[in-house]
Amino acid sequence: MPYTPLFRSVTAVTTRTLPADGARQHWVGCERRCGRPQGRVVDVVATPTGYRIEED
């Protein structure tokens, strides 16, 4: 499997190394953030080098 944002997110979940542990999270593969829920949420945005965490 190539080292893609999806691969990194699956790895983070299976190894319990989530970048925003304990918060309600919305994981996205690009800036569009499709499907973002309403309310307080931490966006975990995939970038070419890893993840960027953005909190409300």
PDB file of N, CA and C in Angstrom:
ATOM      1  N   MET A   1       0.855  -1.185   0.000  1.00  0.00           N
ATOM      2  CA  MET A   1       0.000   0.000   0.000  1.00  0.00           C
ATOM      3  C   MET A   1       0.897   1.244   0.000  1.00  0.00           C
ATOM      4  N   PRO A   2       0.641   2.215  -0.870  1.00  0.00           N
ATOM      5  CA  PRO A   2       1.449   3.435  -0.882  1.00  0.00           C
ATOM      6  C   PRO A   2       1.219   4.259   0.381  1.00  0.00           C
ATOM      7  N   TYR A   3       2.177   5.070   0.717  1.00  0.00           N
ATOM      8  CA  TYR A   3       2.115   5.884   1.929  1.00  0.00           C
ATOM      9  C   TYR A   3       1.269   7.131   1.654  1.00  0.00           C
ATOM     10  N   THR A   4      -0.043   6.977   1.739  1.00  0.00           N
ATOM     11  CA  THR A   4      -1.002   8.033   1.436  1.00  0.00           C
ATOM     12  C   THR A   4      -1.632   8.551   2.728  1.00  0.00           C
ATOM     13  N   PRO A   5      -2.388   9.678   2.664  1.00  0.00           N
ATOM     14  CA  PRO A   5      -3.092  10.133   3.868  1.00  0.00           C
ATOM     15  C   PRO A   5      -4.000   9.065   4.462  1.00  0.00           C
ATOM     16  N   LEU A   6      -4.686   8.289   3.611  1.00  0.00           N
ATOM     17  CA  LEU A   6      -5.543   7.225   4.125  1.00  0.00           C
ATOM     18  C   LEU A   6      -4.722   6.186   4.880  1.00  0.00           C
ATOM     19  N   PHE A   7      -3.587   5.784   4.318  1.00  0.00           N
ATOM     20  CA  PHE A   7      -2.717   4.821   4.986  1.00  0.00           C
ATOM     21  C   PHE A   7      -2.258   5.368   6.337  1.00  0.00           C
ATOM     22  N   ARG A   8      -1.870   6.655   6.383  1.00  0.00           N
ATOM     23  CA  ARG A   8      -1.423   7.250   7.646  1.00  0.00           C
ATOM     24  C   ARG A   8      -2.549   7.290   8.665  1.00  0.00           C
ATOM     25  N   SER A   9      -3.790   7.603   8.237  1.00  0.00           N
ATOM     26  CA  SER A   9      -4.897   7.659   9.190  1.00  0.00           C
ATOM     27  C   SER A   9      -5.223   6.278   9.738  1.00  0.00           C
ATOM     28  N   VAL A  10      -5.224   5.264   8.880  1.00  0.00           N
ATOM     29  CA  VAL A  10      -5.475   3.893   9.333  1.00  0.00           C
ATOM     30  C   VAL A  10      -4.390   3.466  10.314  1.00  0.00           C
ATOM     31  N   THR A  11      -3.156   3.791  10.014  1.00  0.00           N
ATOM     32  CA  THR A  11      -2.041   3.451  10.907  1.00  0.00           C
ATOM     33  C   THR A  11      -2.201   4.150  12.255  1.00  0.00           C
ATOM     34  N   ALA A  12      -2.585   5.426  12.249  1.00  0.00           N
ATOM     35  CA  ALA A  12      -2.763   6.167  13.500  1.00  0.00           C
ATOM     36  C   ALA A  12      -3.858   5.542  14.355  1.00  0.00           C
ATOM     37  N   VAL A  13      -4.935   5.114  13.735  1.00  0.00           N
ATOM     38  CA  VAL A  13      -6.036   4.500  14.483  1.00  0.00           C
ATOM     39  C   VAL A  13      -5.618   3.145  15.025  1.00  0.00           C
ATOM     40  N   THR A  14      -5.009   2.322  14.210  1.00  0.00           N
ATOM     41  CA  THR A  14      -4.667   0.968  14.659  1.00  0.00           C
ATOM     42  C   THR A  14      -3.539   0.945  15.687  1.00  0.00           C
ATOM     43  N   THR A  15      -2.672   1.950  15.674  1.00  0.00           N
ATOM     44  CA  THR A  15      -1.584   1.996  16.653  1.00  0.00           C
ATOM     45  C   THR A  15      -1.897   2.907  17.836  1.00  0.00           C
ATOM     46  N   ARG A  16      -3.126   3.466  17.827  1.00  0.00           N
ATOM     47  CA  ARG A  16      -3.574   4.353  18.911  1.00  0.00           C
ATOM     48  C   ARG A  16      -2.653   5.561  19.099  1.00  0.00           C
ATOM     49  N   THR A  17      -2.209   6.126  17.995  1.00  0.00           N
ATOM     50  CA  THR A  17      -1.372   7.327  18.034  1.00  0.00           C
ATOM     51  C   THR A  17      -2.105   8.484  17.356  1.00  0.00           C
ATOM     52  N   LEU A  18      -3.356   8.670  17.755  1.00  0.00           N
ATOM     53  CA  LEU A  18      -4.164   9.725  17.161  1.00  0.00           C
ATOM     54  C   LEU A  18      -3.588  11.098  17.516  1.00  0.00           C
ATOM     55  N   PRO A  19      -3.549  12.015  16.560  1.00  0.00           N
ATOM     56  CA  PRO A  19      -2.940  13.319  16.832  1.00  0.00           C
ATOM     57  C   PRO A  19      -3.779  14.226  17.712  1.00  0.00           C
ATOM     58  N   ALA A  20      -5.048  13.950  17.898  1.00  0.00           N
ATOM     59  CA  ALA A  20      -5.906  14.782  18.747  1.00  0.00           C
ATOM     60  C   ALA A  20      -6.687  13.883  19.688  1.00  0.00           C
ATOM     61  N   ASP A  21      -5.997  13.083  20.444  1.00  0.00           N
ATOM     62  CA  ASP A  21      -6.606  12.068  21.289  1.00  0.00           C
ATOM     63  C   ASP A  21      -7.595  12.684  22.279  1.00  0.00           C
ATOM     64  N   GLY A  22      -8.756  12.062  22.431  1.00  0.00           N
ATOM     65  CA  GLY A  22      -9.737  12.464  23.420  1.00  0.00           C
ATOM     66  C   GLY A  22     -10.748  13.482  22.937  1.00  0.00           C
ATOM     67  N   ALA A  23     -10.571  14.090  21.787  1.00  0.00           N
ATOM     68  CA  ALA A  23     -11.489  15.093  21.279  1.00  0.00           C
ATOM     69  C   ALA A  23     -12.351  14.497  20.168  1.00  0.00           C
ATOM     70  N   ARG A  24     -13.490  15.117  19.915  1.00  0.00           N
ATOM     71  CA  ARG A  24     -14.297  14.732  18.752  1.00  0.00           C
ATOM     72  C   ARG A  24     -13.531  15.158  17.511  1.00  0.00           C
ATOM     73  N   GLN A  25     -13.293  14.227  16.603  1.00  0.00           N
ATOM     74  CA  GLN A  25     -12.406  14.473  15.472  1.00  0.00           C
ATOM     75  C   GLN A  25     -13.121  14.304  14.142  1.00  0.00           C
ATOM     76  N   HIS A  26     -12.702  15.114  13.179  1.00  0.00           N
ATOM     77  CA  HIS A  26     -13.163  14.968  11.800  1.00  0.00           C
ATOM     78  C   HIS A  26     -11.918  14.866  10.936  1.00  0.00           C
ATOM     79  N   TRP A  27     -11.629  13.674  10.439  1.00  0.00           N
ATOM     80  CA  TRP A  27     -10.440  13.416   9.626  1.00  0.00           C
ATOM     81  C   TRP A  27     -10.766  13.696   8.173  1.00  0.00           C
ATOM     82  N   VAL A  28      -9.941  14.506   7.524  1.00  0.00           N
ATOM     83  CA  VAL A  28     -10.186  14.871   6.129  1.00  0.00           C
ATOM     84  C   VAL A  28      -8.910  14.746   5.307  1.00  0.00           C
ATOM     85  N   GLY A  29      -9.098  14.511   4.014  1.00  0.00           N
ATOM     86  CA  GLY A  29      -7.961  14.351   3.112  1.00  0.00           C
ATOM     87  C   GLY A  29      -7.587  15.611   2.360  1.00  0.00           C
ATOM     88  N   CYS A  30      -8.370  16.703   2.540  1.00  0.00           N
ATOM     89  CA  CYS A  30      -8.044  17.953   1.862  1.00  0.00           C
ATOM     90  C   CYS A  30      -8.705  19.125   2.583  1.00  0.00           C
ATOM     91  N   GLU A  31      -8.423  20.315   2.117  1.00  0.00           N
ATOM     92  CA  GLU A  31      -8.938  21.537   2.733  1.00  0.00           C
ATOM     93  C   GLU A  31     -10.456  21.684   2.641  1.00  0.00           C
ATOM     94  N   ARG A  32     -11.105  20.976   1.731  1.00  0.00           N
ATOM     95  CA  ARG A  32     -12.559  21.126   1.563  1.00  0.00           C
ATOM     96  C   ARG A  32     -13.331  20.626   2.781  1.00  0.00           C
ATOM     97  N   ARG A  33     -12.799  19.659   3.471  1.00  0.00           N
ATOM     98  CA  ARG A  33     -13.404  19.122   4.701  1.00  0.00           C
ATOM     99  C   ARG A  33     -14.835  18.653   4.509  1.00  0.00           C
ATOM    100  N   CYS A  34     -15.072  17.946   3.443  1.00  0.00           N
ATOM    101  CA  CYS A  34     -16.421  17.445   3.131  1.00  0.00           C
ATOM    102  C   CYS A  34     -16.968  16.612   4.290  1.00  0.00           C
ATOM    103  N   GLY A  35     -18.250  16.793   4.571  1.00  0.00           N
ATOM    104  CA  GLY A  35     -18.925  16.013   5.602  1.00  0.00           C
ATOM    105  C   GLY A  35     -18.664  16.468   7.017  1.00  0.00           C
ATOM    106  N   ARG A  36     -18.105  17.665   7.199  1.00  0.00           N
ATOM    107  CA  ARG A  36     -17.777  18.154   8.543  1.00  0.00           C
ATOM    108  C   ARG A  36     -19.051  18.291   9.369  1.00  0.00           C
ATOM    109  N   PRO A  37     -19.086  17.701  10.565  1.00  0.00           N
ATOM    110  CA  PRO A  37     -20.278  17.797  11.410  1.00  0.00           C
ATOM    111  C   PRO A  37     -20.399  19.177  12.052  1.00  0.00           C
ATOM    112  N   GLN A  38     -21.594  19.503  12.492  1.00  0.00           N
ATOM    113  CA  GLN A  38     -21.808  20.754  13.211  1.00  0.00           C
ATOM    114  C   GLN A  38     -21.310  20.614  14.636  1.00  0.00           C
ATOM    115  N   GLY A  39     -21.086  21.734  15.276  1.00  0.00           N
ATOM    116  CA  GLY A  39     -20.658  21.730  16.669  1.00  0.00           C
ATOM    117  C   GLY A  39     -19.145  21.745  16.796  1.00  0.00           C
ATOM    118  N   ARG A  40     -18.695  21.619  18.037  1.00  0.00           N
ATOM    119  CA  ARG A  40     -17.257  21.645  18.309  1.00  0.00           C
ATOM    120  C   ARG A  40     -16.615  20.363  17.808  1.00  0.00           C
ATOM    121  N   VAL A  41     -15.557  20.516  17.053  1.00  0.00           N
ATOM    122  CA  VAL A  41     -14.858  19.360  16.495  1.00  0.00           C
ATOM    123  C   VAL A  41     -13.418  19.762  16.194  1.00  0.00           C
ATOM    124  N   VAL A  42     -12.513  18.824  16.322  1.00  0.00           N
ATOM    125  CA  VAL A  42     -11.122  19.033  15.934  1.00  0.00           C
ATOM    126  C   VAL A  42     -10.949  18.497  14.529  1.00  0.00           C
ATOM    127  N   ASP A  43     -10.501  19.354  13.612  1.00  0.00           N
ATOM    128  CA  ASP A  43     -10.223  18.908  12.254  1.00  0.00           C
ATOM    129  C   ASP A  43      -8.810  18.336  12.200  1.00  0.00           C
ATOM    130  N   VAL A  44      -8.686  17.149  11.659  1.00  0.00           N
ATOM    131  CA  VAL A  44      -7.390  16.528  11.421  1.00  0.00           C
ATOM    132  C   VAL A  44      -7.238  16.482   9.901  1.00  0.00           C
ATOM    133  N   VAL A  45      -6.463  17.442   9.369  1.00  0.00           N
ATOM    134  CA  VAL A  45      -6.350  17.643   7.934  1.00  0.00           C
ATOM    135  C   VAL A  45      -5.067  16.993   7.423  1.00  0.00           C
ATOM    136  N   ALA A  46      -5.204  16.106   6.451  1.00  0.00           N
ATOM    137  CA  ALA A  46      -4.028  15.459   5.860  1.00  0.00           C
ATOM    138  C   ALA A  46      -3.253  16.475   5.024  1.00  0.00           C
ATOM    139  N   THR A  47      -1.938  16.434   5.156  1.00  0.00           N
ATOM    140  CA  THR A  47      -1.039  17.263   4.355  1.00  0.00           C
ATOM    141  C   THR A  47      -0.014  16.330   3.713  1.00  0.00           C
ATOM    142  N   PRO A  48       0.778  16.818   2.780  1.00  0.00           N
ATOM    143  CA  PRO A  48       1.778  15.949   2.165  1.00  0.00           C
ATOM    144  C   PRO A  48       2.797  15.371   3.156  1.00  0.00           C
ATOM    145  N   THR A  49       2.978  16.028   4.306  1.00  0.00           N
ATOM    146  CA  THR A  49       3.988  15.569   5.264  1.00  0.00           C
ATOM    147  C   THR A  49       3.419  15.003   6.558  1.00  0.00           C
ATOM    148  N   GLY A  50       2.098  14.939   6.679  1.00  0.00           N
ATOM    149  CA  GLY A  50       1.507  14.423   7.916  1.00  0.00           C
ATOM    150  C   GLY A  50       0.127  14.996   8.122  1.00  0.00           C
ATOM    151  N   TYR A  51      -0.146  15.478   9.328  1.00  0.00           N
ATOM    152  CA  TYR A  51      -1.452  16.028   9.654  1.00  0.00           C
ATOM    153  C   TYR A  51      -1.311  17.421  10.248  1.00  0.00           C
ATOM    154  N   ARG A  52      -2.357  18.227  10.041  1.00  0.00           N
ATOM    155  CA  ARG A  52      -2.441  19.535  10.692  1.00  0.00           C
ATOM    156  C   ARG A  52      -3.691  19.481  11.571  1.00  0.00           C
ATOM    157  N   ILE A  53      -3.548  19.857  12.826  1.00  0.00           N
ATOM    158  CA  ILE A  53      -4.647  19.845  13.786  1.00  0.00           C
ATOM    159  C   ILE A  53      -5.210  21.252  13.881  1.00  0.00           C
ATOM    160  N   GLU A  54      -6.540  21.373  13.716  1.00  0.00           N
ATOM    161  CA  GLU A  54      -7.211  22.664  13.831  1.00  0.00           C
ATOM    162  C   GLU A  54      -8.405  22.497  14.750  1.00  0.00           C
ATOM    163  N   GLU A  55      -8.412  23.224  15.857  1.00  0.00           N
ATOM    164  CA  GLU A  55      -9.506  23.153  16.811  1.00  0.00           C
ATOM    165  C   GLU A  55     -10.417  24.359  16.656  1.00  0.00           C
ATOM    166  N   ASP A  56     -11.711  24.142  16.960  1.00  0.00           N
ATOM    167  CA  ASP A  56     -12.678  25.256  16.924  1.00  0.00           C
ATOM    168  C   ASP A  56     -12.312  26.283  17.969  1.00  0.00           C
TER     169      ASP A  56
END
